[in-house]
Amino acid sequence: RSDALKAIKKQKETVIRNMAAERYQQEIRKGGGEPAKVALVESYILRDCIAGMKELPERSFNLVEVDPPYAIGLDKIKKAQDRHVLETYTEVGVEEYEPLMRAVFSEGYRLLAQDGWLLCWFAHDPWFHPLVSWIREAGFSLFAVPALWYKPSFAGQTRMPETRMGTCYEPFFYARKGNAVMNRQGRKNVFEYTVVSPERKSHPTERPIEMMEDVITTFCPPSGRVLVPFAGSGNTLIAGSNVGTRGVAFDLSETFRNSFVARVSAGEVGKIKSYLQ
């Protein structure tokens, strides 16, 4: 009963966000809206990322942040109350993952400036070693020790508690093109941020805006450009706008884009956060 009530509440919230997004997009079509908000909304493009990336000019970004579907059966991992959200989440099968990632890395390399960074979130099992190979084959230099998002106070997640401990972190590889150097040097490779509360998140794998600000400023120079092939919640775009970078992002989900538009329209550009202030 409790799970069903939560699911109904989430569905109502989605409907409200969709209506708010449509109202704001109508305002934009009529020539209204604050310029900063309009620019941020229009940076989230509803399109297949490979097709969109192929039309962008080479060497036009300083950072590419890749947060793809993990190809690990997300629908079997998330709890029942997230099912209505997962219906709009585009998971990929194991057989689709390799060609998708190779294409993203190839286009990402082309689109990065001569000295730029690629970040790639992933699932350790079974993708650690394949990803190392694919990233290097695309032309990047990769130190195969990932950075981690550690989630304090998170109980952990496991489908087999009798044999496996709950996972309370997510890894990402960072790879460089050319002679890229970090914007903030000497930082340790653990980003410690609590998860976004269920009441505030609109995406099943949403990352905190505050953490993404930290990630972006670690790798990207001030006023740099960030490409996000898998936009999801759009929090990387929001984090970038908070710290002064510009972005372009692609996604296939109109529901997630509507949530992003609703959040931007209701907030103050440069000050939108995941955590309650």
C-alpha atoms as a PDB file:
ATOM      1  CA  ARG A   1       0.000   0.000   0.000  1.00  0.00           C
ATOM      2  CA  SER A   2       2.781   2.381   0.967  1.00  0.00           C
ATOM      3  CA  ASP A   3       4.669   1.742  -2.296  1.00  0.00           C
ATOM      4  CA  ALA A   4       1.478   2.197  -4.321  1.00  0.00           C
ATOM      5  CA  LEU A   5       0.727   5.550  -2.657  1.00  0.00           C
ATOM      6  CA  LYS A   6       4.280   6.729  -3.313  1.00  0.00           C
ATOM      7  CA  ALA A   7       3.964   5.707  -6.965  1.00  0.00           C
ATOM      8  CA  ILE A   8       0.686   7.621  -7.317  1.00  0.00           C
ATOM      9  CA  LYS A   9       2.278  10.693  -5.720  1.00  0.00           C
ATOM     10  CA  LYS A  10       5.212  10.485  -8.140  1.00  0.00           C
ATOM     11  CA  GLN A  11       2.863  10.183 -11.113  1.00  0.00           C
ATOM     12  CA  LYS A  12       0.952  13.278 -10.011  1.00  0.00           C
ATOM     13  CA  GLU A  13       4.206  15.190  -9.631  1.00  0.00           C
ATOM     14  CA  THR A  14       5.224  14.142 -13.149  1.00  0.00           C
ATOM     15  CA  VAL A  15       1.924  15.413 -14.581  1.00  0.00           C
ATOM     16  CA  ILE A  16       2.350  18.745 -12.778  1.00  0.00           C
ATOM     17  CA  ARG A  17       5.934  19.117 -14.048  1.00  0.00           C
ATOM     18  CA  ASN A  18       4.851  18.284 -17.599  1.00  0.00           C
ATOM     19  CA  MET A  19       2.156  20.969 -17.468  1.00  0.00           C
ATOM     20  CA  ALA A  20       4.602  23.533 -16.056  1.00  0.00           C
ATOM     21  CA  ALA A  21       7.142  22.672 -18.746  1.00  0.00           C
ATOM     22  CA  GLU A  22       4.580  23.025 -21.524  1.00  0.00           C
ATOM     23  CA  ARG A  23       3.450  26.433 -20.214  1.00  0.00           C
ATOM     24  CA  TYR A  24       7.040  27.681 -20.134  1.00  0.00           C
ATOM     25  CA  GLN A  25       7.839  26.317 -23.593  1.00  0.00           C
ATOM     26  CA  GLN A  26       4.746  28.065 -24.962  1.00  0.00           C
ATOM     27  CA  GLU A  27       6.043  31.275 -23.406  1.00  0.00           C
ATOM     28  CA  ILE A  28       9.406  30.736 -25.136  1.00  0.00           C
ATOM     29  CA  ARG A  29       7.704  30.095 -28.492  1.00  0.00           C
ATOM     30  CA  LYS A  30       5.945  33.451 -28.095  1.00  0.00           C
ATOM     31  CA  GLY A  31       9.279  35.164 -27.575  1.00  0.00           C
ATOM     32  CA  GLY A  32       9.092  35.387 -23.793  1.00  0.00           C
ATOM     33  CA  GLY A  33      11.169  34.032 -20.935  1.00  0.00           C
ATOM     34  CA  GLU A  34      14.340  35.272 -19.285  1.00  0.00           C
ATOM     35  CA  PRO A  35      17.254  34.998 -21.752  1.00  0.00           C
ATOM     36  CA  ALA A  36      19.418  32.991 -19.331  1.00  0.00           C
ATOM     37  CA  LYS A  37      16.611  30.506 -18.675  1.00  0.00           C
ATOM     38  CA  VAL A  38      15.757  30.210 -22.355  1.00  0.00           C
ATOM     39  CA  ALA A  39      19.399  29.496 -23.210  1.00  0.00           C
ATOM     40  CA  LEU A  40      19.601  26.818 -20.516  1.00  0.00           C
ATOM     41  CA  VAL A  41      16.345  25.173 -21.583  1.00  0.00           C
ATOM     42  CA  GLU A  42      17.399  25.122 -25.231  1.00  0.00           C
ATOM     43  CA  SER A  43      20.744  23.518 -24.368  1.00  0.00           C
ATOM     44  CA  TYR A  44      18.851  20.290 -23.500  1.00  0.00           C
ATOM     45  CA  ILE A  45      18.057  18.753 -26.905  1.00  0.00           C
ATOM     46  CA  LEU A  46      15.548  15.950 -27.378  1.00  0.00           C
ATOM     47  CA  ARG A  47      17.495  13.794 -29.822  1.00  0.00           C
ATOM     48  CA  ASP A  48      19.616  10.663 -30.230  1.00  0.00           C
ATOM     49  CA  CYS A  49      23.076  11.610 -28.985  1.00  0.00           C
ATOM     50  CA  ILE A  50      25.106  10.033 -31.803  1.00  0.00           C
ATOM     51  CA  ALA A  51      23.064  11.792 -34.495  1.00  0.00           C
ATOM     52  CA  GLY A  52      23.308  15.062 -32.591  1.00  0.00           C
ATOM     53  CA  MET A  53      27.032  14.781 -31.909  1.00  0.00           C
ATOM     54  CA  LYS A  54      27.800  14.134 -35.580  1.00  0.00           C
ATOM     55  CA  GLU A  55      26.410  17.569 -36.461  1.00  0.00           C
ATOM     56  CA  LEU A  56      28.550  19.484 -33.961  1.00  0.00           C
ATOM     57  CA  PRO A  57      31.854  21.080 -35.039  1.00  0.00           C
ATOM     58  CA  GLU A  58      35.064  19.362 -34.019  1.00  0.00           C
ATOM     59  CA  ARG A  59      37.174  20.573 -31.100  1.00  0.00           C
ATOM     60  CA  SER A  60      34.323  22.649 -29.675  1.00  0.00           C
ATOM     61  CA  PHE A  61      34.194  21.321 -26.069  1.00  0.00           C
ATOM     62  CA  ASN A  62      36.540  21.197 -23.089  1.00  0.00           C
ATOM     63  CA  LEU A  63      34.773  18.387 -21.245  1.00  0.00           C
ATOM     64  CA  VAL A  64      32.569  15.473 -22.306  1.00  0.00           C
ATOM     65  CA  GLU A  65      30.632  13.878 -19.440  1.00  0.00           C
ATOM     66  CA  VAL A  66      29.236  10.469 -20.414  1.00  0.00           C
ATOM     67  CA  ASP A  67      26.614   9.001 -18.065  1.00  0.00           C
ATOM     68  CA  PRO A  68      25.069   6.282 -20.237  1.00  0.00           C
ATOM     69  CA  PRO A  69      22.624   3.496 -19.477  1.00  0.00           C
ATOM     70  CA  TYR A  70      24.656   0.887 -17.592  1.00  0.00           C
ATOM     71  CA  ALA A  71      23.380  -2.167 -19.523  1.00  0.00           C
ATOM     72  CA  ILE A  72      22.870  -4.064 -16.270  1.00  0.00           C
ATOM     73  CA  GLY A  73      19.069  -4.420 -16.197  1.00  0.00           C
ATOM     74  CA  LEU A  74      18.184  -1.314 -14.225  1.00  0.00           C
ATOM     75  CA  ASP A  75      14.510  -2.309 -14.240  1.00  0.00           C
ATOM     76  CA  LYS A  76      15.383  -5.330 -12.076  1.00  0.00           C
ATOM     77  CA  ILE A  77      17.374  -3.304  -9.585  1.00  0.00           C
ATOM     78  CA  LYS A  78      15.206  -0.290  -8.811  1.00  0.00           C
ATOM     79  CA  LYS A  79      12.367  -0.552  -6.359  1.00  0.00           C
ATOM     80  CA  ALA A  80       8.752  -0.925  -7.380  1.00  0.00           C
ATOM     81  CA  GLN A  81       7.884   2.697  -6.614  1.00  0.00           C
ATOM     82  CA  ASP A  82      10.281   3.809  -9.357  1.00  0.00           C
ATOM     83  CA  ARG A  83       8.595   1.698 -12.058  1.00  0.00           C
ATOM     84  CA  HIS A  84       6.629   4.570 -13.583  1.00  0.00           C
ATOM     85  CA  VAL A  85       9.876   6.538 -13.886  1.00  0.00           C
ATOM     86  CA  LEU A  86      11.728   3.580 -15.355  1.00  0.00           C
ATOM     87  CA  GLU A  87       9.122   3.313 -18.100  1.00  0.00           C
ATOM     88  CA  THR A  88      10.638   6.494 -19.576  1.00  0.00           C
ATOM     89  CA  TYR A  89      14.250   5.437 -18.930  1.00  0.00           C
ATOM     90  CA  THR A  90      16.017   4.114 -22.033  1.00  0.00           C
ATOM     91  CA  GLU A  91      18.035   1.080 -20.933  1.00  0.00           C
ATOM     92  CA  VAL A  92      20.231  -0.733 -23.450  1.00  0.00           C
ATOM     93  CA  GLY A  93      20.924  -4.425 -23.830  1.00  0.00           C
ATOM     94  CA  VAL A  94      24.348  -5.999 -23.454  1.00  0.00           C
ATOM     95  CA  GLU A  95      24.639  -6.470 -27.220  1.00  0.00           C
ATOM     96  CA  GLU A  96      23.921  -2.756 -27.832  1.00  0.00           C
ATOM     97  CA  TYR A  97      26.348  -1.394 -25.262  1.00  0.00           C
ATOM     98  CA  GLU A  98      29.669  -1.862 -27.079  1.00  0.00           C
ATOM     99  CA  PRO A  99      28.713  -0.184 -30.386  1.00  0.00           C
ATOM    100  CA  LEU A 100      26.994   2.646 -28.494  1.00  0.00           C
ATOM    101  CA  MET A 101      29.977   3.351 -26.262  1.00  0.00           C
ATOM    102  CA  ARG A 102      32.529   3.064 -29.059  1.00  0.00           C
ATOM    103  CA  ALA A 103      30.536   5.592 -31.104  1.00  0.00           C
ATOM    104  CA  VAL A 104      30.242   7.990 -28.146  1.00  0.00           C
ATOM    105  CA  PHE A 105      33.986   7.797 -27.422  1.00  0.00           C
ATOM    106  CA  SER A 106      34.893   8.286 -31.085  1.00  0.00           C
ATOM    107  CA  GLU A 107      32.634  11.332 -31.456  1.00  0.00           C
ATOM    108  CA  GLY A 108      33.665  12.622 -28.056  1.00  0.00           C
ATOM    109  CA  TYR A 109      37.317  12.552 -29.070  1.00  0.00           C
ATOM    110  CA  ARG A 110      36.529  14.451 -32.275  1.00  0.00           C
ATOM    111  CA  LEU A 111      34.500  17.076 -30.425  1.00  0.00           C
ATOM    112  CA  LEU A 112      36.978  17.717 -27.633  1.00  0.00           C
ATOM    113  CA  ALA A 113      39.457  20.558 -27.856  1.00  0.00           C
ATOM    114  CA  GLN A 114      43.067  19.532 -28.386  1.00  0.00           C
ATOM    115  CA  ASP A 115      43.564  19.319 -24.616  1.00  0.00           C
ATOM    116  CA  GLY A 116      40.284  18.137 -23.134  1.00  0.00           C
ATOM    117  CA  TRP A 117      38.800  15.588 -20.738  1.00  0.00           C
ATOM    118  CA  LEU A 118      36.356  12.699 -21.104  1.00  0.00           C
ATOM    119  CA  LEU A 119      34.465  11.388 -18.059  1.00  0.00           C
ATOM    120  CA  CYS A 120      32.545   8.112 -18.182  1.00  0.00           C
ATOM    121  CA  TRP A 121      30.319   6.677 -15.462  1.00  0.00           C
ATOM    122  CA  PHE A 122      29.990   2.891 -15.543  1.00  0.00           C
ATOM    123  CA  ALA A 123      29.164  -0.369 -13.778  1.00  0.00           C
ATOM    124  CA  HIS A 124      32.229  -2.312 -12.602  1.00  0.00           C
ATOM    125  CA  ASP A 125      30.755  -5.695 -13.495  1.00  0.00           C
ATOM    126  CA  PRO A 126      30.981  -6.481 -16.389  1.00  0.00           C
ATOM    127  CA  TRP A 127      32.257  -3.292 -18.030  1.00  0.00           C
ATOM    128  CA  PHE A 128      35.478  -2.226 -16.285  1.00  0.00           C
ATOM    129  CA  HIS A 129      38.016  -3.872 -18.615  1.00  0.00           C
ATOM    130  CA  PRO A 130      36.052  -3.451 -21.880  1.00  0.00           C
ATOM    131  CA  LEU A 131      35.657   0.281 -21.225  1.00  0.00           C
ATOM    132  CA  VAL A 132      39.377   0.690 -20.557  1.00  0.00           C
ATOM    133  CA  SER A 133      40.080  -0.829 -23.976  1.00  0.00           C
ATOM    134  CA  TRP A 134      37.409   1.139 -25.863  1.00  0.00           C
ATOM    135  CA  ILE A 135      38.437   4.486 -24.341  1.00  0.00           C
ATOM    136  CA  ARG A 136      42.103   3.925 -25.186  1.00  0.00           C
ATOM    137  CA  GLU A 137      41.284   2.701 -28.690  1.00  0.00           C
ATOM    138  CA  ALA A 138      39.378   5.964 -29.296  1.00  0.00           C
ATOM    139  CA  GLY A 139      42.658   7.827 -28.739  1.00  0.00           C
ATOM    140  CA  PHE A 140      42.459   8.888 -25.091  1.00  0.00           C
ATOM    141  CA  SER A 141      45.119   8.516 -22.407  1.00  0.00           C
ATOM    142  CA  LEU A 142      43.546   6.705 -19.474  1.00  0.00           C
ATOM    143  CA  PHE A 143      44.818   6.031 -15.964  1.00  0.00           C
ATOM    144  CA  ALA A 144      42.665   3.005 -15.192  1.00  0.00           C
ATOM    145  CA  VAL A 145      41.944   3.911 -11.566  1.00  0.00           C
ATOM    146  CA  PRO A 146      38.466   5.470 -11.477  1.00  0.00           C
ATOM    147  CA  ALA A 147      37.229   8.332  -9.363  1.00  0.00           C
ATOM    148  CA  LEU A 148      34.334   7.539  -7.030  1.00  0.00           C
ATOM    149  CA  TRP A 149      31.096   9.132  -5.953  1.00  0.00           C
ATOM    150  CA  TYR A 150      30.832   7.931  -2.344  1.00  0.00           C
ATOM    151  CA  LYS A 151      27.330   8.193  -0.889  1.00  0.00           C
ATOM    152  CA  PRO A 152      27.471   8.668   2.893  1.00  0.00           C
ATOM    153  CA  SER A 153      24.423   7.541   4.871  1.00  0.00           C
ATOM    154  CA  PHE A 154      23.313   5.402   1.908  1.00  0.00           C
ATOM    155  CA  ALA A 155      22.560   1.846   3.038  1.00  0.00           C
ATOM    156  CA  GLY A 156      23.913   0.381  -0.182  1.00  0.00           C
ATOM    157  CA  GLN A 157      22.281  -1.537  -2.979  1.00  0.00           C
ATOM    158  CA  THR A 158      22.477  -5.247  -3.704  1.00  0.00           C
ATOM    159  CA  ARG A 159      20.254  -7.887  -5.273  1.00  0.00           C
ATOM    160  CA  MET A 160      22.092 -10.669  -3.437  1.00  0.00           C
ATOM    161  CA  PRO A 161      22.487  -9.626   0.222  1.00  0.00           C
ATOM    162  CA  GLU A 162      23.329 -13.192   1.214  1.00  0.00           C
ATOM    163  CA  THR A 163      26.548 -13.117  -0.851  1.00  0.00           C
ATOM    164  CA  ARG A 164      27.271  -9.483  -1.772  1.00  0.00           C
ATOM    165  CA  MET A 165      27.628  -6.347   0.297  1.00  0.00           C
ATOM    166  CA  GLY A 166      25.565  -3.291  -0.575  1.00  0.00           C
ATOM    167  CA  THR A 167      27.285  -0.904  -2.974  1.00  0.00           C
ATOM    168  CA  CYS A 168      27.443   2.683  -1.744  1.00  0.00           C
ATOM    169  CA  TYR A 169      29.562   4.279  -4.466  1.00  0.00           C
ATOM    170  CA  GLU A 170      29.619   4.775  -8.234  1.00  0.00           C
ATOM    171  CA  PRO A 171      32.809   5.014 -10.310  1.00  0.00           C
ATOM    172  CA  PHE A 172      33.749   7.094 -13.307  1.00  0.00           C
ATOM    173  CA  PHE A 173      36.813   6.989 -15.527  1.00  0.00           C
ATOM    174  CA  TYR A 174      38.564  10.230 -16.441  1.00  0.00           C
ATOM    175  CA  ALA A 175      40.596  10.219 -19.635  1.00  0.00           C
ATOM    176  CA  ARG A 176      42.449  12.988 -21.411  1.00  0.00           C
ATOM    177  CA  LYS A 177      42.981  14.062 -24.975  1.00  0.00           C
ATOM    178  CA  GLY A 178      46.332  15.583 -25.828  1.00  0.00           C
ATOM    179  CA  ASN A 179      48.112  17.209 -22.910  1.00  0.00           C
ATOM    180  CA  ALA A 180      45.045  18.139 -20.873  1.00  0.00           C
ATOM    181  CA  VAL A 181      45.650  19.144 -17.264  1.00  0.00           C
ATOM    182  CA  MET A 182      43.099  19.433 -14.494  1.00  0.00           C
ATOM    183  CA  ASN A 183      41.664  22.825 -13.662  1.00  0.00           C
ATOM    184  CA  ARG A 184      41.862  21.986  -9.932  1.00  0.00           C
ATOM    185  CA  GLN A 185      44.998  19.976  -9.357  1.00  0.00           C
ATOM    186  CA  GLY A 186      45.805  17.779  -6.372  1.00  0.00           C
ATOM    187  CA  ARG A 187      42.223  16.782  -5.607  1.00  0.00           C
ATOM    188  CA  LYS A 188      41.631  13.301  -4.171  1.00  0.00           C
ATOM    189  CA  ASN A 189      39.601  10.903  -6.316  1.00  0.00           C
ATOM    190  CA  VAL A 190      36.600  10.540  -3.991  1.00  0.00           C
ATOM    191  CA  PHE A 191      33.577  12.854  -4.286  1.00  0.00           C
ATOM    192  CA  GLU A 192      31.555  12.521  -1.088  1.00  0.00           C
ATOM    193  CA  TYR A 193      27.968  13.682  -1.574  1.00  0.00           C
ATOM    194  CA  THR A 194      24.676  12.360  -0.274  1.00  0.00           C
ATOM    195  CA  VAL A 195      22.111  11.119  -2.779  1.00  0.00           C
ATOM    196  CA  VAL A 196      19.287  13.359  -3.948  1.00  0.00           C
ATOM    197  CA  SER A 197      16.226  12.794  -1.771  1.00  0.00           C
ATOM    198  CA  PRO A 198      13.337  10.900  -3.431  1.00  0.00           C
ATOM    199  CA  GLU A 199      11.096  13.934  -2.950  1.00  0.00           C
ATOM    200  CA  ARG A 200      13.400  16.150  -5.017  1.00  0.00           C
ATOM    201  CA  LYS A 201      14.651  13.865  -7.772  1.00  0.00           C
ATOM    202  CA  SER A 202      13.023  13.372 -11.166  1.00  0.00           C
ATOM    203  CA  HIS A 203      15.347  10.704 -12.584  1.00  0.00           C
ATOM    204  CA  PRO A 204      16.146   7.233 -11.183  1.00  0.00           C
ATOM    205  CA  THR A 205      19.925   7.781 -11.429  1.00  0.00           C
ATOM    206  CA  GLU A 206      20.022  11.510 -10.677  1.00  0.00           C
ATOM    207  CA  ARG A 207      23.304  12.962  -9.461  1.00  0.00           C
ATOM    208  CA  PRO A 208      23.435  15.966  -7.087  1.00  0.00           C
ATOM    209  CA  ILE A 209      23.942  19.336  -8.746  1.00  0.00           C
ATOM    210  CA  GLU A 210      26.399  20.251  -6.001  1.00  0.00           C
ATOM    211  CA  MET A 211      28.578  17.227  -6.810  1.00  0.00           C
ATOM    212  CA  MET A 212      28.481  17.925 -10.534  1.00  0.00           C
ATOM    213  CA  GLU A 213      29.660  21.493  -9.835  1.00  0.00           C
ATOM    214  CA  ASP A 214      32.632  19.942  -8.038  1.00  0.00           C
ATOM    215  CA  VAL A 215      33.291  17.496 -10.900  1.00  0.00           C
ATOM    216  CA  ILE A 216      33.038  20.162 -13.611  1.00  0.00           C
ATOM    217  CA  THR A 217      35.354  22.637 -11.871  1.00  0.00           C
ATOM    218  CA  THR A 218      37.891  19.858 -11.270  1.00  0.00           C
ATOM    219  CA  PHE A 219      38.297  19.157 -14.991  1.00  0.00           C
ATOM    220  CA  CYS A 220      36.906  22.097 -16.972  1.00  0.00           C
ATOM    221  CA  PRO A 221      38.462  25.569 -17.239  1.00  0.00           C
ATOM    222  CA  PRO A 222      36.360  28.619 -16.305  1.00  0.00           C
ATOM    223  CA  SER A 223      33.891  29.570 -19.054  1.00  0.00           C
ATOM    224  CA  GLY A 224      34.565  26.250 -20.794  1.00  0.00           C
ATOM    225  CA  ARG A 225      32.100  24.177 -22.806  1.00  0.00           C
ATOM    226  CA  VAL A 226      30.629  20.880 -21.611  1.00  0.00           C
ATOM    227  CA  LEU A 227      28.988  18.179 -23.751  1.00  0.00           C
ATOM    228  CA  VAL A 228      26.559  15.725 -22.122  1.00  0.00           C
ATOM    229  CA  PRO A 229      25.536  12.932 -24.547  1.00  0.00           C
ATOM    230  CA  PHE A 230      23.060  11.416 -22.042  1.00  0.00           C
ATOM    231  CA  ALA A 231      21.375  14.352 -20.329  1.00  0.00           C
ATOM    232  CA  GLY A 232      19.035  12.483 -17.961  1.00  0.00           C
ATOM    233  CA  SER A 233      17.914  14.880 -15.240  1.00  0.00           C
ATOM    234  CA  GLY A 234      19.888  17.716 -16.842  1.00  0.00           C
ATOM    235  CA  ASN A 235      21.748  18.334 -13.586  1.00  0.00           C
ATOM    236  CA  THR A 236      25.112  18.556 -15.346  1.00  0.00           C
ATOM    237  CA  LEU A 237      23.766  21.438 -17.446  1.00  0.00           C
ATOM    238  CA  ILE A 238      22.405  23.146 -14.326  1.00  0.00           C
ATOM    239  CA  ALA A 239      25.670  22.606 -12.439  1.00  0.00           C
ATOM    240  CA  GLY A 240      27.583  24.036 -15.377  1.00  0.00           C
ATOM    241  CA  SER A 241      25.403  27.142 -15.458  1.00  0.00           C
ATOM    242  CA  ASN A 242      26.018  27.567 -11.708  1.00  0.00           C
ATOM    243  CA  VAL A 243      29.802  27.624 -12.189  1.00  0.00           C
ATOM    244  CA  GLY A 244      29.917  29.591 -15.439  1.00  0.00           C
ATOM    245  CA  THR A 245      30.350  26.939 -18.138  1.00  0.00           C
ATOM    246  CA  ARG A 246      28.122  26.482 -21.189  1.00  0.00           C
ATOM    247  CA  GLY A 247      26.699  23.143 -22.247  1.00  0.00           C
ATOM    248  CA  VAL A 248      24.943  21.054 -24.862  1.00  0.00           C
ATOM    249  CA  ALA A 249      23.083  17.876 -23.926  1.00  0.00           C
ATOM    250  CA  PHE A 250      21.028  15.187 -25.667  1.00  0.00           C
ATOM    251  CA  ASP A 251      18.408  12.747 -24.422  1.00  0.00           C
ATOM    252  CA  LEU A 252      15.517  10.683 -25.788  1.00  0.00           C
ATOM    253  CA  SER A 253      13.113  11.143 -22.870  1.00  0.00           C
ATOM    254  CA  GLU A 254      10.576  13.947 -23.149  1.00  0.00           C
ATOM    255  CA  THR A 255       9.520  13.256 -19.551  1.00  0.00           C
ATOM    256  CA  PHE A 256      13.001  13.932 -18.183  1.00  0.00           C
ATOM    257  CA  ARG A 257      13.415  17.008 -20.358  1.00  0.00           C
ATOM    258  CA  ASN A 258      10.055  18.332 -19.112  1.00  0.00           C
ATOM    259  CA  SER A 259      11.241  17.881 -15.530  1.00  0.00           C
ATOM    260  CA  PHE A 260      14.388  19.827 -16.392  1.00  0.00           C
ATOM    261  CA  VAL A 261      12.405  22.636 -18.044  1.00  0.00           C
ATOM    262  CA  ALA A 262      10.046  22.860 -15.062  1.00  0.00           C
ATOM    263  CA  ARG A 263      12.969  23.067 -12.638  1.00  0.00           C
ATOM    264  CA  VAL A 264      14.750  25.762 -14.646  1.00  0.00           C
ATOM    265  CA  SER A 265      11.586  27.833 -15.157  1.00  0.00           C
ATOM    266  CA  ALA A 266      10.820  27.782 -11.426  1.00  0.00           C
ATOM    267  CA  GLY A 267      14.368  28.535 -10.282  1.00  0.00           C
ATOM    268  CA  GLU A 268      17.003  31.250 -10.517  1.00  0.00           C
ATOM    269  CA  VAL A 269      19.689  30.484 -13.085  1.00  0.00           C
ATOM    270  CA  GLY A 270      23.028  30.104 -11.356  1.00  0.00           C
ATOM    271  CA  LYS A 271      21.479  29.183  -8.009  1.00  0.00           C
ATOM    272  CA  ILE A 272      19.482  25.988  -8.639  1.00  0.00           C
ATOM    273  CA  LYS A 273      20.475  23.203  -6.212  1.00  0.00           C
ATOM    274  CA  SER A 274      19.620  19.592  -5.402  1.00  0.00           C
ATOM    275  CA  TYR A 275      19.860  19.936  -1.630  1.00  0.00           C
ATOM    276  CA  LEU A 276      17.482  22.045   0.425  1.00  0.00           C
ATOM    277  CA  GLN A 277      19.188  25.261   1.496  1.00  0.00           C
END
